[in-house]
N, C-alpha and C. Protein backbone atom coordinates (compact mmCIF):
# COMPACT_ATOMS: atom_id res chain seq x y z
N MET A 1 82.05 111.06 88.40
CA MET A 1 83.12 110.05 88.43
C MET A 1 84.05 110.28 89.54
N GLU A 2 84.30 109.21 90.22
CA GLU A 2 85.25 109.29 91.35
C GLU A 2 86.68 109.37 90.81
N GLU A 3 87.46 110.40 91.40
CA GLU A 3 88.83 110.55 91.04
C GLU A 3 89.74 109.75 91.94
N HIS A 4 90.77 109.16 91.33
CA HIS A 4 91.68 108.33 92.01
C HIS A 4 93.10 109.02 92.03
N PHE A 5 93.85 108.81 93.08
CA PHE A 5 95.22 109.24 93.23
C PHE A 5 96.11 108.05 93.18
N VAL A 6 97.01 107.99 92.26
CA VAL A 6 97.81 106.78 91.98
C VAL A 6 99.32 107.11 91.97
N TRP A 7 100.10 106.29 92.70
CA TRP A 7 101.64 106.40 92.63
C TRP A 7 102.07 105.12 91.92
N MET A 8 102.89 105.29 90.91
CA MET A 8 103.36 104.10 90.13
C MET A 8 104.89 104.15 90.15
N THR A 9 105.48 103.00 90.36
CA THR A 9 106.97 102.84 90.19
C THR A 9 107.14 101.71 89.26
N THR A 10 108.22 101.83 88.37
CA THR A 10 108.61 100.76 87.53
C THR A 10 110.14 100.59 87.86
N ARG A 11 110.52 99.36 88.20
CA ARG A 11 111.87 99.08 88.59
C ARG A 11 112.33 97.92 87.65
N ARG A 12 113.57 98.13 87.17
CA ARG A 12 114.27 96.99 86.50
C ARG A 12 115.24 96.45 87.55
N ILE A 13 115.10 95.20 87.80
CA ILE A 13 115.89 94.57 88.85
C ILE A 13 116.92 93.57 88.33
N LYS A 14 117.86 93.29 89.23
CA LYS A 14 118.94 92.30 88.86
C LYS A 14 118.29 90.91 88.64
N PRO A 15 118.80 90.21 87.72
CA PRO A 15 118.30 88.81 87.45
C PRO A 15 118.32 87.97 88.74
N GLY A 16 117.27 87.16 88.98
CA GLY A 16 117.28 86.28 90.16
C GLY A 16 116.97 86.89 91.47
N THR A 17 116.61 88.20 91.47
CA THR A 17 116.42 88.89 92.76
C THR A 17 114.93 89.20 93.15
N LEU A 18 113.99 88.70 92.31
CA LEU A 18 112.57 89.06 92.59
C LEU A 18 112.15 88.70 93.93
N THR A 19 112.45 87.50 94.46
CA THR A 19 111.98 87.08 95.76
C THR A 19 112.63 87.97 96.85
N ASP A 20 113.93 88.31 96.72
CA ASP A 20 114.56 89.14 97.67
C ASP A 20 113.99 90.62 97.65
N LEU A 21 113.69 91.11 96.45
CA LEU A 21 113.11 92.36 96.31
C LEU A 21 111.70 92.37 97.02
N ASP A 22 110.96 91.35 96.72
CA ASP A 22 109.57 91.25 97.23
C ASP A 22 109.64 91.31 98.81
N VAL A 23 110.61 90.72 99.46
CA VAL A 23 110.75 90.81 100.94
C VAL A 23 110.99 92.23 101.31
N ALA A 24 111.97 92.90 100.61
CA ALA A 24 112.38 94.29 100.94
C ALA A 24 111.25 95.31 100.62
N TRP A 25 110.50 94.98 99.59
CA TRP A 25 109.40 95.85 99.05
C TRP A 25 108.32 96.13 100.10
N ARG A 26 107.99 95.10 100.86
CA ARG A 26 106.90 95.15 101.83
C ARG A 26 107.20 96.08 103.01
N ALA A 27 106.47 97.11 103.20
CA ALA A 27 106.75 98.06 104.23
C ALA A 27 106.41 97.38 105.55
N GLY A 28 107.19 97.80 106.58
CA GLY A 28 106.80 97.29 107.95
C GLY A 28 105.57 97.79 108.55
N THR A 29 105.12 98.92 108.02
CA THR A 29 103.85 99.50 108.51
C THR A 29 102.98 99.86 107.27
N HIS A 30 101.68 99.93 107.51
CA HIS A 30 100.75 100.34 106.42
C HIS A 30 100.69 101.82 106.33
N PRO A 31 101.10 102.40 105.23
CA PRO A 31 101.12 103.88 105.10
C PRO A 31 99.74 104.47 105.25
N GLU A 32 99.64 105.49 106.09
CA GLU A 32 98.34 106.21 106.28
C GLU A 32 97.92 106.82 104.95
N GLY A 33 96.71 106.64 104.53
CA GLY A 33 96.13 107.15 103.31
C GLY A 33 96.25 106.24 102.12
N MET A 34 97.06 105.17 102.21
CA MET A 34 97.10 104.17 101.11
C MET A 34 95.86 103.36 101.17
N LEU A 35 95.15 103.30 100.02
CA LEU A 35 93.90 102.51 100.04
C LEU A 35 94.06 101.10 99.45
N ARG A 36 94.93 101.00 98.45
CA ARG A 36 95.22 99.70 97.82
C ARG A 36 96.61 99.71 97.26
N ALA A 37 97.19 98.51 97.08
CA ALA A 37 98.53 98.51 96.41
C ALA A 37 98.61 97.14 95.72
N TYR A 38 99.31 97.25 94.54
CA TYR A 38 99.47 96.05 93.61
C TYR A 38 100.87 96.00 93.16
N ALA A 39 101.39 94.84 92.89
CA ALA A 39 102.66 94.61 92.31
C ALA A 39 102.53 93.75 91.07
N TYR A 40 103.12 94.07 89.93
CA TYR A 40 103.06 93.24 88.77
C TYR A 40 104.47 93.07 88.22
N TRP A 41 104.77 91.94 87.79
CA TRP A 41 106.21 91.73 87.32
C TRP A 41 106.17 91.03 85.95
N SER A 42 107.23 91.22 85.16
CA SER A 42 107.36 90.74 83.85
C SER A 42 107.59 89.18 83.92
N GLU A 43 107.41 88.59 82.82
CA GLU A 43 107.50 87.08 82.64
C GLU A 43 108.98 86.64 83.06
N ASP A 44 109.94 87.48 82.61
CA ASP A 44 111.28 87.14 82.92
C ASP A 44 111.78 87.62 84.36
N GLU A 45 110.83 88.14 85.13
CA GLU A 45 111.01 88.60 86.54
C GLU A 45 112.17 89.62 86.71
N GLN A 46 112.40 90.41 85.68
CA GLN A 46 113.44 91.46 85.76
C GLN A 46 112.88 92.85 85.72
N GLN A 47 111.49 92.98 85.69
CA GLN A 47 110.91 94.30 85.78
C GLN A 47 109.73 94.12 86.70
N ILE A 48 109.51 95.16 87.58
CA ILE A 48 108.39 95.00 88.45
C ILE A 48 107.70 96.42 88.58
N ILE A 49 106.42 96.38 88.53
CA ILE A 49 105.69 97.70 88.56
C ILE A 49 104.81 97.66 89.81
N GLY A 50 104.91 98.76 90.58
CA GLY A 50 104.07 98.92 91.85
C GLY A 50 103.02 99.94 91.51
N VAL A 51 101.84 99.70 91.85
CA VAL A 51 100.69 100.65 91.74
C VAL A 51 99.98 100.78 93.02
N SER A 52 99.96 101.95 93.59
CA SER A 52 99.21 102.21 94.82
C SER A 52 98.20 103.34 94.72
N PHE A 53 97.12 103.15 95.27
CA PHE A 53 95.97 104.09 95.31
C PHE A 53 95.96 104.79 96.66
N TRP A 54 95.85 106.05 96.61
CA TRP A 54 95.88 106.90 97.81
C TRP A 54 94.64 107.79 98.04
N ALA A 55 94.42 108.17 99.27
CA ALA A 55 93.24 108.98 99.53
C ALA A 55 93.54 110.42 99.03
N SER A 56 94.79 110.87 98.92
CA SER A 56 95.14 112.19 98.44
C SER A 56 96.63 112.17 98.02
N LYS A 57 97.00 113.24 97.26
CA LYS A 57 98.41 113.37 96.89
C LYS A 57 99.21 113.68 98.22
N GLU A 58 98.53 114.42 99.06
CA GLU A 58 99.30 114.82 100.27
C GLU A 58 99.64 113.54 101.12
N SER A 59 98.69 112.60 101.23
CA SER A 59 99.08 111.39 101.98
C SER A 59 100.13 110.61 101.25
N CYS A 60 100.22 110.56 100.00
CA CYS A 60 101.25 109.88 99.25
C CYS A 60 102.58 110.60 99.45
N ASP A 61 102.63 111.91 99.39
CA ASP A 61 103.76 112.72 99.60
C ASP A 61 104.34 112.51 101.00
N ALA A 62 103.44 112.46 101.98
CA ALA A 62 103.88 112.23 103.41
C ALA A 62 104.58 110.85 103.51
N TRP A 63 104.00 109.81 102.84
CA TRP A 63 104.68 108.56 102.96
C TRP A 63 106.05 108.64 102.28
N LEU A 64 106.08 109.22 101.05
CA LEU A 64 107.41 109.22 100.32
C LEU A 64 108.49 109.94 101.14
N ALA A 65 108.12 110.94 101.96
CA ALA A 65 109.05 111.63 102.76
C ALA A 65 109.37 111.04 104.13
N SER A 66 108.67 109.93 104.40
CA SER A 66 108.82 109.31 105.74
C SER A 66 110.14 108.50 105.97
N GLU A 67 110.49 108.31 107.15
CA GLU A 67 111.62 107.44 107.55
C GLU A 67 111.42 106.03 107.13
N ALA A 68 110.23 105.58 107.31
CA ALA A 68 109.87 104.22 106.95
C ALA A 68 110.04 103.93 105.49
N GLU A 69 109.63 104.80 104.59
CA GLU A 69 109.85 104.71 103.15
C GLU A 69 111.36 104.76 102.85
N ALA A 70 112.11 105.65 103.46
CA ALA A 70 113.57 105.68 103.25
C ALA A 70 114.23 104.35 103.54
N ARG A 71 113.81 103.77 104.72
CA ARG A 71 114.36 102.42 105.08
C ARG A 71 113.88 101.33 104.04
N ARG A 72 112.71 101.41 103.60
CA ARG A 72 112.25 100.46 102.53
C ARG A 72 113.05 100.55 101.30
N ARG A 73 113.25 101.77 100.85
CA ARG A 73 114.00 102.02 99.55
C ARG A 73 115.46 101.58 99.77
N ALA A 74 116.07 101.78 100.99
CA ALA A 74 117.40 101.30 101.14
C ALA A 74 117.45 99.86 101.10
N ALA A 75 116.51 99.09 101.58
CA ALA A 75 116.46 97.67 101.60
C ALA A 75 116.39 97.14 100.16
N MET A 76 115.60 97.87 99.30
CA MET A 76 115.42 97.41 97.96
C MET A 76 116.58 97.75 97.04
N ALA A 77 117.32 98.76 97.40
CA ALA A 77 118.48 99.33 96.55
C ALA A 77 119.43 98.28 96.04
N PRO A 78 119.85 97.26 96.80
CA PRO A 78 120.84 96.32 96.25
C PRO A 78 120.30 95.45 95.10
N HIS A 79 118.99 95.41 94.89
CA HIS A 79 118.32 94.63 93.87
C HIS A 79 117.92 95.42 92.65
N VAL A 80 117.88 96.72 92.73
CA VAL A 80 117.38 97.63 91.74
C VAL A 80 118.49 98.12 90.76
N LEU A 81 118.25 97.97 89.43
CA LEU A 81 119.18 98.51 88.52
C LEU A 81 118.75 99.99 88.08
N ASP A 82 117.50 100.26 87.97
CA ASP A 82 116.99 101.55 87.68
C ASP A 82 115.51 101.60 87.97
N GLU A 83 114.97 102.86 88.15
CA GLU A 83 113.56 102.98 88.46
C GLU A 83 113.00 104.27 87.94
N GLN A 84 111.73 104.28 87.73
CA GLN A 84 110.96 105.49 87.31
C GLN A 84 109.78 105.51 88.21
N GLU A 85 109.36 106.66 88.59
CA GLU A 85 108.13 106.82 89.41
C GLU A 85 107.45 108.09 89.08
N ALA A 86 106.11 108.10 89.36
CA ALA A 86 105.30 109.26 89.01
C ALA A 86 103.99 109.08 89.74
N PHE A 87 103.42 110.27 90.05
CA PHE A 87 102.04 110.36 90.66
C PHE A 87 101.04 110.80 89.58
N TYR A 88 99.85 110.11 89.59
CA TYR A 88 98.87 110.39 88.65
C TYR A 88 97.46 110.63 89.31
N ARG A 89 96.67 111.34 88.65
CA ARG A 89 95.25 111.42 88.95
C ARG A 89 94.43 110.81 87.84
N GLY A 90 93.31 110.18 88.15
CA GLY A 90 92.55 109.62 87.06
C GLY A 90 91.19 109.07 87.47
N ARG A 91 90.60 108.34 86.69
CA ARG A 91 89.26 107.75 86.99
C ARG A 91 89.13 106.45 86.31
N GLU A 92 88.23 105.65 86.78
CA GLU A 92 87.93 104.35 86.18
C GLU A 92 87.12 104.57 84.90
N LEU A 93 87.52 103.82 83.86
CA LEU A 93 86.89 103.93 82.59
C LEU A 93 85.71 102.92 82.54
N VAL A 94 84.58 103.40 82.23
CA VAL A 94 83.32 102.58 82.24
C VAL A 94 83.27 101.89 80.89
N ILE A 95 83.13 100.53 80.93
CA ILE A 95 82.99 99.78 79.74
C ILE A 95 81.53 99.61 79.50
N PRO A 96 81.01 100.09 78.32
CA PRO A 96 79.57 100.05 78.04
C PRO A 96 79.10 98.59 77.87
N ALA A 97 77.91 98.31 78.35
CA ALA A 97 77.34 96.97 78.18
C ALA A 97 77.05 96.79 76.66
N SER A 98 77.24 95.51 76.25
CA SER A 98 76.92 95.28 74.83
C SER A 98 75.56 94.87 74.58
């Protein structure tokens, strides 16, 4: 089974700021080692979850410590009420054929 390295953030945002947050969310550069990234938001647009897949924990840590990530977080800060984040390792679950 292939192992995946995943960084997830959950942010509760100020009402009416999803569009502004989306602009601030997008990094100016593509982080080295990031393989894929997704954003999911709640129906009321007041919670957003980011899921990114990385080549390694080290590549994710390097991005999190970077100047570019610090600028991105500063740009998002006016829209964020609170956030939680964590790094995970895991694998794809295989759904058996019926």
